[in-house]
Amino acid sequence: MPSLHIALQEGFDGDLVVVRVNGKEALRKKDVTTRMQIGLADSVDTVWDGESARVEVAVPTRNISGTIEELLQGESYLGISILKGAIEGRVSTEPFGYV
């Protein structure tokens, strides 16, 4: 099964974050905060089966949630951010660069 690398990126500030991939919990973490110098708060690696992944992200500390559904091919990278009070996702076939 291919890997899905999920990065929590911009906009997190002491938040509880829950991430589910195809209904299975992949991450539950408190006090998630973006490190402004690199634009990364946390990450998790998981696997997925099939051609599509449904990634559900909940941030109960802000009462926001969102779902990202993508057709994926092979190893994939998903960046998740909170922008203007909403969950945003971007998919890449290459790792995101953090310095």
N, C-alpha and C. Protein backbone atom coordinates (compact mmCIF):
# COMPACT_ATOMS: atom_id res chain seq x y z
N MET A 1 0.84 -1.18 0.00
CA MET A 1 0.00 0.00 0.00
C MET A 1 0.89 1.25 0.00
N PRO A 2 0.52 2.25 -0.77
CA PRO A 2 1.31 3.47 -0.84
C PRO A 2 1.23 4.30 0.44
N SER A 3 2.25 5.11 0.65
CA SER A 3 2.30 5.99 1.82
C SER A 3 1.64 7.33 1.52
N LEU A 4 1.00 7.87 2.54
CA LEU A 4 0.47 9.22 2.49
C LEU A 4 1.11 9.98 3.64
N HIS A 5 1.91 10.99 3.30
CA HIS A 5 2.61 11.80 4.28
C HIS A 5 1.78 13.07 4.50
N ILE A 6 1.29 13.26 5.71
CA ILE A 6 0.43 14.39 6.03
C ILE A 6 1.21 15.38 6.89
N ALA A 7 1.25 16.63 6.45
CA ALA A 7 1.93 17.68 7.19
C ALA A 7 0.92 18.73 7.62
N LEU A 8 0.89 19.02 8.91
CA LEU A 8 0.09 20.13 9.42
C LEU A 8 0.96 21.36 9.29
N GLN A 9 0.53 22.31 8.48
CA GLN A 9 1.40 23.42 8.11
C GLN A 9 1.00 24.72 8.79
N GLU A 10 0.43 25.64 8.08
CA GLU A 10 0.18 27.00 8.58
C GLU A 10 -1.10 27.11 9.41
N GLY A 11 -1.08 28.03 10.38
CA GLY A 11 -2.30 28.44 11.06
C GLY A 11 -2.66 27.74 12.35
N PHE A 12 -1.86 26.79 12.81
CA PHE A 12 -2.18 26.08 14.05
C PHE A 12 -1.57 26.82 15.24
N ASP A 13 -2.34 26.90 16.33
CA ASP A 13 -1.86 27.65 17.50
C ASP A 13 -2.41 27.04 18.79
N GLY A 14 -1.71 26.06 19.33
CA GLY A 14 -2.13 25.40 20.56
C GLY A 14 -3.39 24.56 20.40
N ASP A 15 -3.61 24.03 19.22
CA ASP A 15 -4.87 23.35 18.89
C ASP A 15 -4.84 21.85 19.14
N LEU A 16 -6.02 21.30 19.42
CA LEU A 16 -6.25 19.87 19.37
C LEU A 16 -6.60 19.55 17.92
N VAL A 17 -5.90 18.58 17.33
CA VAL A 17 -6.13 18.23 15.93
C VAL A 17 -6.38 16.73 15.83
N VAL A 18 -7.42 16.36 15.08
CA VAL A 18 -7.73 14.96 14.82
C VAL A 18 -7.78 14.78 13.30
N VAL A 19 -7.02 13.80 12.80
CA VAL A 19 -6.97 13.52 11.36
C VAL A 19 -7.39 12.07 11.15
N ARG A 20 -8.33 11.86 10.24
CA ARG A 20 -8.76 10.51 9.86
C ARG A 20 -8.53 10.33 8.36
N VAL A 21 -8.03 9.16 7.99
CA VAL A 21 -7.83 8.83 6.58
C VAL A 21 -8.72 7.64 6.27
N ASN A 22 -9.66 7.84 5.35
CA ASN A 22 -10.63 6.81 4.99
C ASN A 22 -11.30 6.21 6.23
N GLY A 23 -11.67 7.10 7.17
CA GLY A 23 -12.40 6.69 8.36
C GLY A 23 -11.55 6.19 9.51
N LYS A 24 -10.26 6.02 9.31
CA LYS A 24 -9.38 5.48 10.34
C LYS A 24 -8.54 6.61 10.94
N GLU A 25 -8.55 6.73 12.27
CA GLU A 25 -7.81 7.80 12.91
C GLU A 25 -6.30 7.63 12.70
N ALA A 26 -5.68 8.67 12.15
CA ALA A 26 -4.24 8.65 11.89
C ALA A 26 -3.47 9.53 12.87
N LEU A 27 -4.14 10.54 13.43
CA LEU A 27 -3.48 11.46 14.35
C LEU A 27 -4.50 12.09 15.28
N ARG A 28 -4.15 12.16 16.54
CA ARG A 28 -4.92 12.92 17.55
C ARG A 28 -3.86 13.53 18.45
N LYS A 29 -3.76 14.85 18.42
CA LYS A 29 -2.70 15.50 19.18
C LYS A 29 -3.17 16.84 19.73
N LYS A 30 -2.75 17.12 20.97
CA LYS A 30 -3.05 18.39 21.62
C LYS A 30 -1.91 19.37 21.40
N ASP A 31 -2.20 20.63 21.61
CA ASP A 31 -1.19 21.70 21.60
C ASP A 31 -0.38 21.75 20.31
N VAL A 32 -1.03 21.56 19.18
CA VAL A 32 -0.36 21.65 17.88
C VAL A 32 -0.20 23.12 17.51
N THR A 33 1.05 23.52 17.29
CA THR A 33 1.37 24.92 16.99
C THR A 33 2.34 24.99 15.82
N THR A 34 2.04 25.84 14.86
CA THR A 34 2.93 26.03 13.71
C THR A 34 4.21 26.72 14.14
N ARG A 35 5.32 26.14 13.74
CA ARG A 35 6.62 26.81 13.94
C ARG A 35 6.79 27.78 12.78
N MET A 36 6.67 29.05 13.09
CA MET A 36 6.63 30.09 12.06
C MET A 36 7.88 30.11 11.19
N GLN A 37 9.02 29.74 11.73
CA GLN A 37 10.26 29.78 10.95
C GLN A 37 10.23 28.81 9.77
N ILE A 38 9.52 27.68 9.94
CA ILE A 38 9.52 26.68 8.87
C ILE A 38 8.14 26.38 8.31
N GLY A 39 7.09 26.90 8.93
CA GLY A 39 5.73 26.68 8.42
C GLY A 39 5.22 25.27 8.62
N LEU A 40 5.69 24.61 9.68
CA LEU A 40 5.28 23.24 9.97
C LEU A 40 4.90 23.12 11.44
N ALA A 41 3.78 22.45 11.70
CA ALA A 41 3.34 22.24 13.08
C ALA A 41 3.59 20.80 13.52
N ASP A 42 3.27 19.84 12.66
CA ASP A 42 3.43 18.43 12.99
C ASP A 42 3.23 17.62 11.71
N SER A 43 3.48 16.33 11.79
CA SER A 43 3.28 15.48 10.62
C SER A 43 2.99 14.05 11.06
N VAL A 44 2.42 13.29 10.15
CA VAL A 44 2.15 11.88 10.38
C VAL A 44 2.23 11.16 9.04
N ASP A 45 2.75 9.96 9.06
CA ASP A 45 2.82 9.12 7.87
C ASP A 45 1.83 7.98 8.05
N THR A 46 1.09 7.69 7.00
CA THR A 46 0.10 6.62 7.05
C THR A 46 0.06 5.94 5.68
N VAL A 47 -0.73 4.92 5.55
CA VAL A 47 -0.91 4.25 4.27
C VAL A 47 -2.38 4.32 3.90
N TRP A 48 -2.66 4.17 2.65
CA TRP A 48 -4.04 4.20 2.18
C TRP A 48 -4.20 3.12 1.13
N ASP A 49 -5.41 2.66 0.97
CA ASP A 49 -5.68 1.65 -0.04
C ASP A 49 -6.67 2.21 -1.04
N GLY A 50 -6.50 1.84 -2.25
CA GLY A 50 -7.38 2.32 -3.30
C GLY A 50 -6.79 3.50 -4.04
N GLU A 51 -7.60 4.13 -4.86
CA GLU A 51 -7.14 5.23 -5.69
C GLU A 51 -7.44 6.59 -5.07
N SER A 52 -8.34 6.62 -4.12
CA SER A 52 -8.67 7.91 -3.53
C SER A 52 -8.50 7.86 -2.02
N ALA A 53 -8.23 9.02 -1.47
CA ALA A 53 -8.12 9.14 -0.02
C ALA A 53 -9.08 10.22 0.44
N ARG A 54 -9.80 9.91 1.49
CA ARG A 54 -10.69 10.89 2.12
C ARG A 54 -10.05 11.23 3.46
N VAL A 55 -9.57 12.46 3.57
CA VAL A 55 -8.89 12.90 4.78
C VAL A 55 -9.79 13.90 5.49
N GLU A 56 -10.20 13.53 6.70
CA GLU A 56 -11.05 14.39 7.52
C GLU A 56 -10.18 15.02 8.60
N VAL A 57 -10.27 16.32 8.72
CA VAL A 57 -9.47 17.06 9.70
C VAL A 57 -10.42 17.82 10.61
N ALA A 58 -10.28 17.62 11.91
CA ALA A 58 -11.09 18.35 12.88
C ALA A 58 -10.18 19.09 13.84
N VAL A 59 -10.54 20.34 14.10
CA VAL A 59 -9.82 21.17 15.08
C VAL A 59 -10.88 21.62 16.09
N PRO A 60 -11.19 20.75 17.07
CA PRO A 60 -12.26 21.06 18.03
C PRO A 60 -12.02 22.34 18.83
N THR A 61 -10.77 22.70 19.07
CA THR A 61 -10.49 23.92 19.83
C THR A 61 -10.97 25.17 19.12
N ARG A 62 -11.21 25.08 17.82
CA ARG A 62 -11.72 26.23 17.06
C ARG A 62 -13.09 25.95 16.43
N ASN A 63 -13.60 24.74 16.69
CA ASN A 63 -14.88 24.34 16.13
C ASN A 63 -14.88 24.39 14.60
N ILE A 64 -13.78 23.93 13.99
CA ILE A 64 -13.72 23.86 12.53
C ILE A 64 -13.32 22.45 12.11
N SER A 65 -13.77 22.08 10.93
CA SER A 65 -13.40 20.79 10.36
C SER A 65 -13.48 20.90 8.85
N GLY A 66 -12.87 19.95 8.20
CA GLY A 66 -12.90 19.94 6.74
C GLY A 66 -12.55 18.57 6.22
N THR A 67 -12.93 18.31 4.99
CA THR A 67 -12.64 17.04 4.35
C THR A 67 -11.94 17.31 3.03
N ILE A 68 -10.90 16.55 2.80
CA ILE A 68 -10.13 16.66 1.56
C ILE A 68 -10.21 15.30 0.88
N GLU A 69 -10.75 15.28 -0.32
CA GLU A 69 -10.84 14.04 -1.09
C GLU A 69 -9.99 14.20 -2.33
N GLU A 70 -9.07 13.27 -2.53
CA GLU A 70 -8.15 13.36 -3.64
C GLU A 70 -7.96 12.00 -4.29
N LEU A 71 -7.81 12.01 -5.60
CA LEU A 71 -7.34 10.83 -6.32
C LEU A 71 -5.83 10.84 -6.22
N LEU A 72 -5.26 9.77 -5.68
CA LEU A 72 -3.82 9.72 -5.46
C LEU A 72 -3.20 8.61 -6.29
N GLN A 73 -1.96 8.82 -6.67
CA GLN A 73 -1.22 7.79 -7.40
C GLN A 73 0.12 7.61 -6.71
N GLY A 74 0.32 6.45 -6.10
CA GLY A 74 1.58 6.17 -5.43
C GLY A 74 1.78 7.01 -4.19
N GLU A 75 3.04 7.10 -3.78
CA GLU A 75 3.39 7.87 -2.59
C GLU A 75 2.97 9.33 -2.77
N SER A 76 2.28 9.88 -1.78
CA SER A 76 1.74 11.23 -1.90
C SER A 76 1.98 12.03 -0.63
N TYR A 77 1.93 13.35 -0.78
CA TYR A 77 2.16 14.29 0.31
C TYR A 77 0.97 15.24 0.37
N LEU A 78 0.44 15.44 1.57
CA LEU A 78 -0.71 16.32 1.77
C LEU A 78 -0.36 17.35 2.83
N GLY A 79 -0.42 18.61 2.44
CA GLY A 79 -0.22 19.71 3.38
C GLY A 79 -1.57 20.25 3.82
N ILE A 80 -1.77 20.36 5.12
CA ILE A 80 -3.03 20.86 5.68
C ILE A 80 -2.75 22.14 6.46
N SER A 81 -3.51 23.18 6.15
CA SER A 81 -3.37 24.46 6.84
C SER A 81 -4.74 24.97 7.26
N ILE A 82 -4.72 25.90 8.21
CA ILE A 82 -5.92 26.65 8.58
C ILE A 82 -5.74 28.04 8.00
N LEU A 83 -6.58 28.37 7.03
CA LEU A 83 -6.51 29.68 6.37
C LEU A 83 -7.88 30.33 6.42
N LYS A 84 -7.93 31.54 6.96
CA LYS A 84 -9.19 32.30 7.06
C LYS A 84 -10.28 31.48 7.74
N GLY A 85 -9.91 30.74 8.78
CA GLY A 85 -10.88 29.98 9.56
C GLY A 85 -11.38 28.71 8.92
N ALA A 86 -10.71 28.23 7.89
CA ALA A 86 -11.13 27.01 7.21
C ALA A 86 -9.94 26.08 6.97
N ILE A 87 -10.23 24.80 6.84
CA ILE A 87 -9.20 23.81 6.54
C ILE A 87 -8.92 23.83 5.04
N GLU A 88 -7.66 23.94 4.69
CA GLU A 88 -7.24 23.92 3.29
C GLU A 88 -6.21 22.81 3.11
N GLY A 89 -6.24 22.16 1.97
CA GLY A 89 -5.28 21.10 1.70
C GLY A 89 -4.64 21.26 0.34
N ARG A 90 -3.39 20.81 0.24
CA ARG A 90 -2.73 20.78 -1.07
C ARG A 90 -1.95 19.48 -1.17
N VAL A 91 -2.04 18.86 -2.33
CA VAL A 91 -1.42 17.57 -2.58
C VAL A 91 -0.22 17.74 -3.48
N SER A 92 0.80 16.94 -3.21
CA SER A 92 2.02 16.97 -4.02
C SER A 92 2.54 15.54 -4.17
N THR A 93 3.24 15.31 -5.26
CA THR A 93 3.92 14.03 -5.44
C THR A 93 5.34 14.10 -4.90
N GLU A 94 5.76 15.30 -4.51
CA GLU A 94 7.10 15.53 -3.96
C GLU A 94 6.99 16.00 -2.51
N PRO A 95 7.99 15.69 -1.68
CA PRO A 95 7.96 16.17 -0.30
C PRO A 95 7.97 17.70 -0.24
N PHE A 96 7.31 18.23 0.77
CA PHE A 96 7.35 19.67 1.00
C PHE A 96 8.71 20.01 1.60
N GLY A 97 9.24 21.18 1.28
CA GLY A 97 10.54 21.58 1.80
C GLY A 97 10.41 22.40 3.07
N TYR A 98 11.06 21.94 4.11
CA TYR A 98 11.10 22.68 5.37
C TYR A 98 12.56 22.90 5.72
N VAL A 99 12.89 24.12 6.07
CA VAL A 99 14.29 24.44 6.38
C VAL A 99 14.46 24.57 7.87
